[in-house]
Amino acid sequence: MHKAATLLAATLFASASSAEVTFQYIADGYIGLGVSNGGAVVTGNSVTDQTYETFRWTEAGGIERLGRATNPVLGTGAGGPEISADGTRISATILNTAGTLMVPGVWEDGVWWECLPTAPDGGILDLSYGSAWGISGDGQEVVGLYWLESGTIGASAHAMTSNPTIGITSLSQPGRNDSRANGANHDGTVVGGWEAEDFGNWTPTVWVNGVRTTLEPDYNDSGFWSAVQAVSGDGTVCVGGAGNATTGTVEAGRWVFDGANWNSQHLGILPGTALGVGRVWATDVSHDGDFVVGVNRFWDNGPFSITTGFIWTPETGMVDVIDWLADNGIDFNSEVEEMISLESVSPAGDAFIGVTRTIGTFDGWRTFLVRIIPDCPWDLDGDGNVGSGDLALIIGFWGQTDVPGDFNGDGVGSDDLAELIGNWGPCP
């Protein structure tokens, strides 16, 4: 599965000659944070009006504001909206029904349900029971943190998962430091985030079926603030930020599970990034782990930072998204728009979103959507022909979602097989 998905990613992202690449601004005054397969649904926060209300965008309906924003009532917020692979569920930190606290929540079919305080040691801190920072690809598990009850010795923030059946499950253990979960794989069994070191700095952490592993065990309170931000759908790759002890710089990190251990891979920084004061981190990763997007701050100086988005694949390494767009026939207007970040890539690797801002202002926020439409999506092995190799792959993926061959997004099955056979022969 991993090899075939890599071949598909290479086909999609190599150049416009093998795919149609489209670019469109979809939301002025909003920051997009999550995108579903095919770019069908985007979620994020309103920014210009400072409500930070969760929104949902579709091509047909445009922007739909989902309500339950915390900032207008409580004057504060936390976390960020994320979306399931099929776009049907959105997680966010929302105002509780009583209008008194922040709680993690999930939106589906026009209705919010709350991740209620079911954890036995849960408490309230700063008008919050907890916050949502991510959601599993299948939409069943929300990840984030919940606060411990007042007077608890040790950590006050616990990484957690939550679903409507069993409520909140703590990922932390008694005596551990503060922690938070930021992302999960497709079924929620692999969760990534951070755990604080003794002096408060964050270290990248992963929990597999609830068992914790520190991904950079040699940090030893080195002063780095870094974390896992996302987990691939297949659960084999975590991405985020990783400290480089030689340069003193946080750079994009990727950790790959080989069946026994998590192996660290530093993806690096873009040319021109100031060592020690620049900061680079990955924000999301495709289902197969081979397409990574993120943020490159050439100079990290808060609101005055100079930034861009980046794309990484095994074939290309780290590339500035402005250069990637130019290579695919899209001229980004850098005289007017400042590239801020890439925030999310769809699990299938066929769409990604980013954020820009009007140059010279702290306003003018816009979200853009890039779709990558392969000329021959049935050519799963990338040999230019729909044939026996592709048939073998689609059978190997049978029943799985967010993988090559799932043409209609409901899991590889008879409809997808019929579509592949209907396009048998040389690609156009």
Protein backbone atom coordinates (compact mmCIF):
# COMPACT_ATOMS: atom_id res chain seq x y z
CA MET A 1 0.00 0.00 0.00
CA HIS A 2 2.75 2.44 0.92
CA LYS A 3 4.61 1.95 -2.39
CA ALA A 4 1.49 2.46 -4.49
CA ALA A 5 0.49 5.56 -2.57
CA THR A 6 3.99 6.95 -3.06
CA LEU A 7 3.72 6.37 -6.80
CA LEU A 8 0.40 8.20 -6.85
CA ALA A 9 1.85 11.13 -4.92
CA ALA A 10 4.76 11.32 -7.36
CA THR A 11 2.32 11.35 -10.27
CA LEU A 12 0.13 14.06 -8.76
CA PHE A 13 2.77 16.42 -7.53
CA ALA A 14 5.60 16.13 -10.05
CA SER A 15 4.31 18.73 -12.51
CA ALA A 16 1.26 20.04 -14.32
CA SER A 17 2.03 17.72 -17.23
CA SER A 18 0.60 14.80 -15.26
CA ALA A 19 -2.24 16.65 -13.52
CA GLU A 20 -4.44 19.68 -13.76
CA VAL A 21 -3.63 22.10 -10.95
CA THR A 22 -6.22 24.73 -9.99
CA PHE A 23 -5.86 27.65 -7.56
CA GLN A 24 -8.70 29.69 -6.11
CA TYR A 25 -9.33 32.05 -3.20
CA ILE A 26 -12.32 30.74 -1.30
CA ALA A 27 -12.62 32.80 1.88
CA ASP A 28 -11.74 36.46 2.49
CA GLY A 29 -11.41 37.27 6.19
CA TYR A 30 -11.12 33.60 7.15
CA ILE A 31 -8.23 31.23 7.94
CA GLY A 32 -8.68 27.70 6.62
CA LEU A 33 -7.28 24.94 8.83
CA GLY A 34 -8.67 21.67 7.45
CA VAL A 35 -9.61 20.24 4.04
CA SER A 36 -11.42 17.05 3.07
CA ASN A 37 -10.66 14.76 0.16
CA GLY A 38 -10.91 16.40 -3.23
CA GLY A 39 -11.06 19.84 -1.61
CA ALA A 40 -14.82 19.36 -1.30
CA VAL A 41 -15.11 20.87 2.20
CA VAL A 42 -12.86 23.34 4.04
CA THR A 43 -13.08 24.44 7.67
CA GLY A 44 -11.37 27.05 9.80
CA ASN A 45 -11.98 30.28 11.73
CA SER A 46 -13.29 33.73 10.93
CA VAL A 47 -10.52 36.26 11.59
CA THR A 48 -11.31 39.75 10.35
CA ASP A 49 -14.32 40.18 12.68
CA GLN A 50 -12.30 38.67 15.58
CA THR A 51 -15.06 36.25 16.53
CA TYR A 52 -12.95 33.21 15.52
CA GLU A 53 -16.17 31.40 14.72
CA THR A 54 -15.88 28.02 13.00
CA PHE A 55 -16.85 28.03 9.34
CA ARG A 56 -17.57 25.41 6.70
CA TRP A 57 -16.98 26.06 2.98
CA THR A 58 -18.23 24.12 -0.02
CA GLU A 59 -18.18 25.00 -3.71
CA ALA A 60 -21.96 24.97 -3.88
CA GLY A 61 -22.78 26.74 -0.64
CA GLY A 62 -19.79 29.00 -0.05
CA ILE A 63 -19.14 30.08 3.55
CA GLU A 64 -21.43 28.72 6.28
CA ARG A 65 -20.78 29.94 9.81
CA LEU A 66 -21.46 27.23 12.37
CA GLY A 67 -22.03 29.22 15.57
CA ARG A 68 -21.05 28.44 19.17
CA ALA A 69 -18.00 30.76 19.01
CA THR A 70 -16.36 31.30 22.41
CA ASN A 71 -14.57 34.62 21.85
CA PRO A 72 -17.65 36.90 21.64
CA VAL A 73 -19.00 35.54 24.95
CA LEU A 74 -15.94 34.53 26.97
CA GLY A 75 -13.32 36.78 25.38
CA THR A 76 -11.02 33.84 24.72
CA GLY A 77 -10.61 30.71 22.61
CA ALA A 78 -8.34 27.73 22.02
CA GLY A 79 -7.61 24.98 19.53
CA GLY A 80 -8.66 25.07 15.92
CA PRO A 81 -11.28 23.47 13.67
CA GLU A 82 -10.35 20.28 11.80
CA ILE A 83 -12.29 18.00 9.47
CA SER A 84 -12.85 14.30 8.74
CA ALA A 85 -11.60 12.83 5.47
CA ASP A 86 -15.09 12.75 3.95
CA GLY A 87 -15.94 16.26 5.15
CA THR A 88 -19.00 15.26 7.18
CA ARG A 89 -17.63 16.02 10.67
CA ILE A 90 -15.82 19.09 12.00
CA SER A 91 -14.16 19.34 15.40
CA ALA A 92 -13.69 22.65 17.23
CA THR A 93 -13.62 24.28 20.62
CA ILE A 94 -17.12 25.61 21.21
CA LEU A 95 -19.29 27.37 23.77
CA ASN A 96 -21.19 24.91 25.93
CA THR A 97 -24.99 24.84 25.92
CA ALA A 98 -25.19 26.98 29.05
CA GLY A 99 -22.96 29.62 27.45
CA THR A 100 -20.47 29.57 30.33
CA LEU A 101 -17.48 27.41 29.32
CA MET A 102 -15.31 26.28 26.40
CA VAL A 103 -15.63 22.58 25.57
CA PRO A 104 -14.42 20.35 22.73
CA GLY A 105 -17.20 19.69 20.23
CA VAL A 106 -18.09 18.07 16.91
CA TRP A 107 -20.40 19.43 14.20
CA GLU A 108 -22.38 17.08 11.95
CA ASP A 109 -25.49 17.74 9.83
CA GLY A 110 -26.04 21.18 11.32
CA VAL A 111 -25.80 20.06 14.95
CA TRP A 112 -23.01 20.40 17.52
CA TRP A 113 -22.46 17.73 20.14
CA GLU A 114 -20.22 18.38 23.12
CA CYS A 115 -17.35 16.30 24.48
CA LEU A 116 -18.79 16.57 27.96
CA PRO A 117 -16.68 16.44 31.14
CA THR A 118 -16.83 12.68 31.64
CA ALA A 119 -13.19 12.25 32.70
CA PRO A 120 -13.21 11.49 36.47
CA ASP A 121 -10.45 14.00 37.24
CA GLY A 122 -11.68 16.74 34.88
CA GLY A 123 -11.98 20.32 36.07
CA ILE A 124 -12.32 23.91 34.90
CA LEU A 125 -9.48 26.33 34.20
CA ASP A 126 -9.77 29.80 32.63
CA LEU A 127 -13.43 29.28 31.69
CA SER A 128 -12.56 26.05 29.90
CA TYR A 129 -13.13 22.36 30.43
CA GLY A 130 -10.89 21.57 27.47
CA SER A 131 -10.21 22.26 23.81
CA ALA A 132 -10.27 20.42 20.46
CA TRP A 133 -7.14 20.41 18.27
CA GLY A 134 -7.81 17.62 15.76
CA ILE A 135 -10.05 14.80 14.59
CA SER A 136 -9.40 11.31 13.25
CA GLY A 137 -9.87 10.71 9.52
CA ASP A 138 -13.03 8.68 10.13
CA GLY A 139 -14.47 11.48 12.25
CA GLN A 140 -14.99 9.28 15.30
CA GLU A 141 -12.29 10.62 17.65
CA VAL A 142 -11.66 14.22 18.69
CA VAL A 143 -8.20 14.92 20.13
CA GLY A 144 -6.97 17.79 22.25
CA LEU A 145 -6.72 18.39 25.98
CA TYR A 146 -8.85 18.60 29.08
CA TRP A 147 -8.03 20.39 32.32
CA LEU A 148 -7.60 18.59 35.62
CA GLU A 149 -9.62 19.54 38.68
CA SER A 150 -8.30 22.25 40.96
CA GLY A 151 -5.70 21.06 43.45
CA THR A 152 -4.44 18.17 41.34
CA ILE A 153 -0.74 17.61 41.90
CA GLY A 154 1.43 17.78 38.78
CA ALA A 155 0.09 18.48 35.32
CA SER A 156 -2.99 20.64 34.80
CA ALA A 157 -3.45 19.78 31.09
CA HIS A 158 -3.97 16.21 29.89
CA ALA A 159 -3.83 15.05 26.27
CA MET A 160 -7.07 13.28 25.44
CA THR A 161 -9.24 11.59 22.85
CA SER A 162 -13.02 11.75 22.95
CA ASN A 163 -15.93 10.15 21.15
CA PRO A 164 -19.69 10.27 21.71
CA THR A 165 -19.83 6.68 22.96
CA ILE A 166 -17.32 6.63 25.81
CA GLY A 167 -16.57 10.33 26.30
CA ILE A 168 -13.08 11.57 27.17
CA THR A 169 -10.11 9.22 27.58
CA SER A 170 -6.90 10.60 29.07
CA LEU A 171 -3.66 9.84 27.25
CA SER A 172 -1.52 11.07 30.12
CA GLN A 173 -0.56 9.21 33.28
CA PRO A 174 -0.35 10.32 36.93
CA GLY A 175 2.87 12.17 37.60
CA ARG A 176 3.45 13.20 33.98
CA ASN A 177 3.86 16.81 32.89
CA ASP A 178 1.35 18.84 30.87
CA SER A 179 0.46 17.39 27.48
CA ARG A 180 -1.79 17.94 24.47
CA ALA A 181 -2.88 15.90 21.45
CA ASN A 182 -2.88 17.68 18.06
CA GLY A 183 -3.76 15.04 15.47
CA ALA A 184 -4.71 11.41 14.88
CA ASN A 185 -4.60 8.76 12.17
CA HIS A 186 -7.70 7.56 10.32
CA ASP A 187 -9.15 5.36 13.08
CA GLY A 188 -7.81 7.30 16.07
CA THR A 189 -5.46 4.58 17.35
CA VAL A 190 -2.32 6.68 16.75
CA VAL A 191 -2.35 10.18 18.26
CA GLY A 192 0.39 12.80 18.11
CA GLY A 193 1.08 15.94 20.12
CA TRP A 194 3.45 17.12 22.80
CA GLU A 195 4.39 16.58 26.41
CA ALA A 196 6.16 19.24 28.48
CA GLU A 197 9.65 18.67 29.77
CA ASP A 198 10.53 19.43 33.39
CA PHE A 199 11.23 23.09 32.61
CA GLY A 200 8.10 23.51 30.51
CA ASN A 201 9.39 23.16 26.96
CA TRP A 202 7.46 20.85 24.61
CA THR A 203 8.79 17.64 23.13
CA PRO A 204 7.17 15.69 20.23
CA THR A 205 5.12 12.76 21.52
CA VAL A 206 3.03 9.95 20.04
CA TRP A 207 0.52 7.63 21.71
CA VAL A 208 -0.21 4.30 20.00
CA ASN A 209 -3.26 2.60 21.51
CA GLY A 210 -2.65 4.81 24.53
CA VAL A 211 1.04 3.91 24.95
CA ARG A 212 3.30 6.99 24.99
CA THR A 213 6.58 7.38 23.10
CA THR A 214 8.80 10.47 23.23
CA LEU A 215 10.03 11.03 19.67
CA GLU A 216 13.03 13.22 20.53
CA PRO A 217 14.24 11.66 23.81
CA ASP A 218 17.59 13.50 23.78
CA TYR A 219 16.12 16.99 24.14
CA ASN A 220 16.73 17.05 27.91
CA ASP A 221 15.09 20.43 28.43
CA SER A 222 17.13 21.93 25.62
CA GLY A 223 14.77 24.88 25.24
CA PHE A 224 13.04 23.73 22.04
CA TRP A 225 9.29 24.17 21.73
CA SER A 226 8.30 21.48 19.27
CA ALA A 227 5.51 19.00 18.76
CA VAL A 228 3.77 16.50 16.51
CA GLN A 229 1.11 18.42 14.58
CA ALA A 230 -0.42 15.65 12.44
CA VAL A 231 -0.42 11.89 11.88
CA SER A 232 -0.78 10.12 8.54
CA GLY A 233 -4.03 8.24 7.99
CA ASP A 234 -2.23 4.90 7.93
CA GLY A 235 -0.62 5.71 11.30
CA THR A 236 2.99 5.19 10.21
CA VAL A 237 4.16 8.81 9.98
CA CYS A 238 4.03 11.77 12.37
CA VAL A 239 5.00 15.31 11.32
CA GLY A 240 5.60 18.57 13.15
CA GLY A 241 8.59 20.50 14.46
CA ALA A 242 11.92 19.09 15.63
CA GLY A 243 14.82 20.92 17.26
CA ASN A 244 18.26 20.88 15.65
CA ALA A 245 20.79 21.00 18.48
CA THR A 246 23.61 22.03 16.14
CA THR A 247 21.89 25.12 14.72
CA GLY A 248 19.54 25.87 17.61
CA THR A 249 16.66 26.00 15.12
CA VAL A 250 13.30 24.25 15.14
CA GLU A 251 12.91 22.68 11.69
CA ALA A 252 10.29 20.53 10.02
CA GLY A 253 10.26 17.01 11.40
CA ARG A 254 8.96 13.65 10.19
CA TRP A 255 8.96 10.45 12.25
CA VAL A 256 8.44 7.10 10.53
CA PHE A 257 7.43 3.87 12.28
CA ASP A 258 9.31 0.83 10.98
CA GLY A 259 7.24 -1.75 12.87
CA ALA A 260 9.32 -1.49 16.02
CA ASN A 261 10.65 2.06 16.41
CA TRP A 262 9.92 5.64 15.40
CA ASN A 263 12.79 6.92 13.27
CA SER A 264 13.46 10.66 13.26
CA GLN A 265 13.88 12.50 9.95
CA HIS A 266 14.56 16.24 9.97
CA LEU A 267 13.17 17.72 6.76
CA GLY A 268 15.18 20.90 7.18
CA ILE A 269 14.51 24.56 6.39
CA LEU A 270 14.17 26.65 3.25
CA PRO A 271 17.19 28.67 2.03
CA GLY A 272 17.37 32.07 3.68
CA THR A 273 16.00 30.92 7.04
CA ALA A 274 17.93 32.58 9.87
CA LEU A 275 19.53 29.95 12.08
CA GLY A 276 18.48 30.15 15.69
CA VAL A 277 15.72 32.70 15.07
CA GLY A 278 13.87 31.09 12.17
CA ARG A 279 11.26 28.43 12.86
CA VAL A 280 9.86 25.76 10.56
CA TRP A 281 7.22 23.12 11.22
CA ALA A 282 5.00 20.72 9.32
CA THR A 283 1.27 21.25 9.75
CA ASP A 284 -0.23 18.23 7.96
CA VAL A 285 0.51 15.04 6.05
CA SER A 286 -1.30 12.85 3.53
CA HIS A 287 -2.72 9.41 4.33
CA ASP A 288 0.40 7.60 3.07
CA GLY A 289 2.80 9.99 4.84
CA ASP A 290 4.63 11.09 1.70
CA PHE A 291 3.16 14.53 1.10
CA VAL A 292 3.84 17.09 3.83
CA VAL A 293 2.82 20.75 4.07
CA GLY A 294 3.86 23.37 6.57
CA VAL A 295 5.12 26.81 7.57
CA ASN A 296 8.60 28.28 7.09
CA ARG A 297 9.30 31.37 9.18
CA PHE A 298 12.52 32.82 7.82
CA TRP A 299 12.68 35.12 10.83
CA ASP A 300 10.41 34.37 13.77
CA ASN A 301 9.36 37.72 15.20
CA GLY A 302 5.69 37.28 16.07
CA PRO A 303 3.37 39.39 13.89
CA PHE A 304 6.40 40.80 12.02
CA SER A 305 7.66 37.37 10.93
CA ILE A 306 8.57 36.73 7.30
CA THR A 307 6.95 33.46 6.31
CA THR A 308 5.92 31.16 3.50
CA GLY A 309 4.37 27.73 3.07
CA PHE A 310 6.31 24.67 2.01
CA ILE A 311 5.67 21.32 0.36
CA TRP A 312 7.81 18.22 0.97
CA THR A 313 7.78 14.88 -0.82
CA PRO A 314 10.46 12.16 -0.93
CA GLU A 315 11.04 13.01 -4.60
CA THR A 316 11.31 16.81 -4.32
CA GLY A 317 12.45 17.47 -0.78
CA MET A 318 11.31 20.78 0.72
CA VAL A 319 10.01 23.32 -1.81
CA ASP A 320 8.60 26.83 -1.30
CA VAL A 321 4.93 26.66 -2.30
CA ILE A 322 5.32 29.83 -4.39
CA ASP A 323 7.93 28.02 -6.50
CA TRP A 324 5.76 24.91 -6.66
CA LEU A 325 2.82 26.94 -7.92
CA ALA A 326 5.02 28.62 -10.55
CA ASP A 327 6.26 25.23 -11.74
CA ASN A 328 2.62 24.26 -12.20
CA GLY A 329 1.68 27.35 -14.21
CA ILE A 330 0.27 29.49 -11.37
CA ASP A 331 1.77 32.94 -10.81
CA PHE A 332 1.26 33.93 -7.18
CA ASN A 333 0.97 37.72 -6.92
CA SER A 334 3.68 38.28 -4.33
CA GLU A 335 3.62 42.05 -4.92
CA VAL A 336 0.16 42.24 -3.35
CA GLU A 337 -0.24 39.06 -1.30
CA GLU A 338 2.10 37.77 1.40
CA MET A 339 2.24 33.97 1.64
CA ILE A 340 1.71 33.03 5.28
CA SER A 341 1.37 29.24 5.50
CA LEU A 342 0.08 25.95 4.21
CA GLU A 343 -2.32 24.54 6.80
CA SER A 344 -3.70 21.24 5.55
CA VAL A 345 -3.48 18.61 2.82
CA SER A 346 -6.35 16.21 2.07
CA PRO A 347 -5.77 12.59 3.13
CA ALA A 348 -5.87 11.48 -0.50
CA GLY A 349 -3.28 14.11 -1.40
CA ASP A 350 -5.46 15.70 -4.07
CA ALA A 351 -5.98 19.14 -2.46
CA PHE A 352 -4.32 21.51 -0.02
CA ILE A 353 -5.15 24.87 1.56
CA GLY A 354 -3.09 27.86 2.62
CA VAL A 355 -3.36 31.37 3.99
CA THR A 356 -2.22 34.73 2.61
CA ARG A 357 -2.37 38.31 3.87
CA THR A 358 -2.27 41.70 2.18
CA ILE A 359 1.32 42.97 2.21
CA GLY A 360 2.02 45.75 4.71
CA THR A 361 -1.03 45.08 6.88
CA PHE A 362 -2.15 42.81 9.68
CA ASP A 363 -5.44 42.39 7.87
CA GLY A 364 -6.56 41.12 4.49
CA TRP A 365 -6.45 37.44 5.49
CA ARG A 366 -7.50 35.05 2.71
CA THR A 367 -7.70 31.28 2.37
CA PHE A 368 -6.83 29.61 -0.92
CA LEU A 369 -7.54 26.11 -2.17
CA VAL A 370 -5.35 24.16 -4.57
CA ARG A 371 -6.77 21.08 -6.27
CA ILE A 372 -4.62 18.54 -8.11
CA ILE A 373 -6.70 16.61 -10.63
CA PRO A 374 -4.81 13.73 -12.28
CA ASP A 375 -5.29 13.30 -16.01
CA CYS A 376 -5.60 9.55 -15.47
CA PRO A 377 -6.65 8.78 -11.88
CA TRP A 378 -7.12 5.09 -12.66
CA ASP A 379 -3.38 4.68 -13.38
CA LEU A 380 -2.54 3.75 -9.81
CA ASP A 381 0.97 2.47 -10.49
CA GLY A 382 1.95 5.45 -12.62
CA ASP A 383 3.02 3.52 -15.72
CA GLY A 384 0.82 5.46 -18.15
CA ASN A 385 -1.57 2.59 -18.67
CA VAL A 386 -4.65 1.27 -16.85
CA GLY A 387 -4.03 -2.43 -16.69
CA SER A 388 -3.27 -5.50 -14.62
CA GLY A 389 -0.92 -3.69 -12.23
CA ASP A 390 -3.65 -1.23 -11.30
CA LEU A 391 -6.15 -4.07 -10.96
CA ALA A 392 -3.85 -5.82 -8.50
CA LEU A 393 -3.47 -2.63 -6.48
CA ILE A 394 -7.19 -1.89 -6.27
CA ILE A 395 -7.83 -5.44 -5.07
CA GLY A 396 -5.08 -4.97 -2.47
CA PHE A 397 -6.78 -1.80 -1.23
CA TRP A 398 -10.23 -3.42 -1.09
CA GLY A 399 -12.45 -1.97 1.63
CA GLN A 400 -9.99 0.78 2.60
CA THR A 401 -10.68 4.51 2.50
CA ASP A 402 -8.38 7.45 1.73
CA VAL A 403 -6.18 5.29 -0.49
CA PRO A 404 -5.49 5.16 -4.24
CA GLY A 405 -8.43 3.47 -5.97
CA ASP A 406 -11.11 4.93 -3.70
CA PHE A 407 -12.52 7.02 -6.53
CA ASN A 408 -15.85 7.85 -4.92
CA GLY A 409 -14.63 8.32 -1.34
CA ASP A 410 -16.66 5.55 0.32
CA GLY A 411 -13.98 2.86 0.48
CA VAL A 412 -12.56 0.75 -2.34
CA GLY A 413 -15.30 -1.51 -3.66
CA SER A 414 -17.22 -2.75 -6.67
CA ASP A 415 -18.05 0.73 -7.99
CA ASP A 416 -14.37 1.66 -8.04
CA LEU A 417 -13.45 -1.63 -9.70
CA ALA A 418 -16.05 -1.01 -12.40
CA GLU A 419 -14.71 2.49 -12.99
CA LEU A 420 -11.16 1.20 -13.35
CA ILE A 421 -12.20 -1.53 -15.81
CA GLY A 422 -14.27 1.02 -17.74
CA ASN A 423 -11.09 3.04 -18.36
CA TRP A 424 -8.87 0.06 -19.28
CA GLY A 425 -6.01 0.75 -21.65
CA PRO A 426 -3.53 3.57 -22.36
CA CYS A 427 -4.06 6.84 -20.48
CA PRO A 428 -5.27 9.77 -22.59
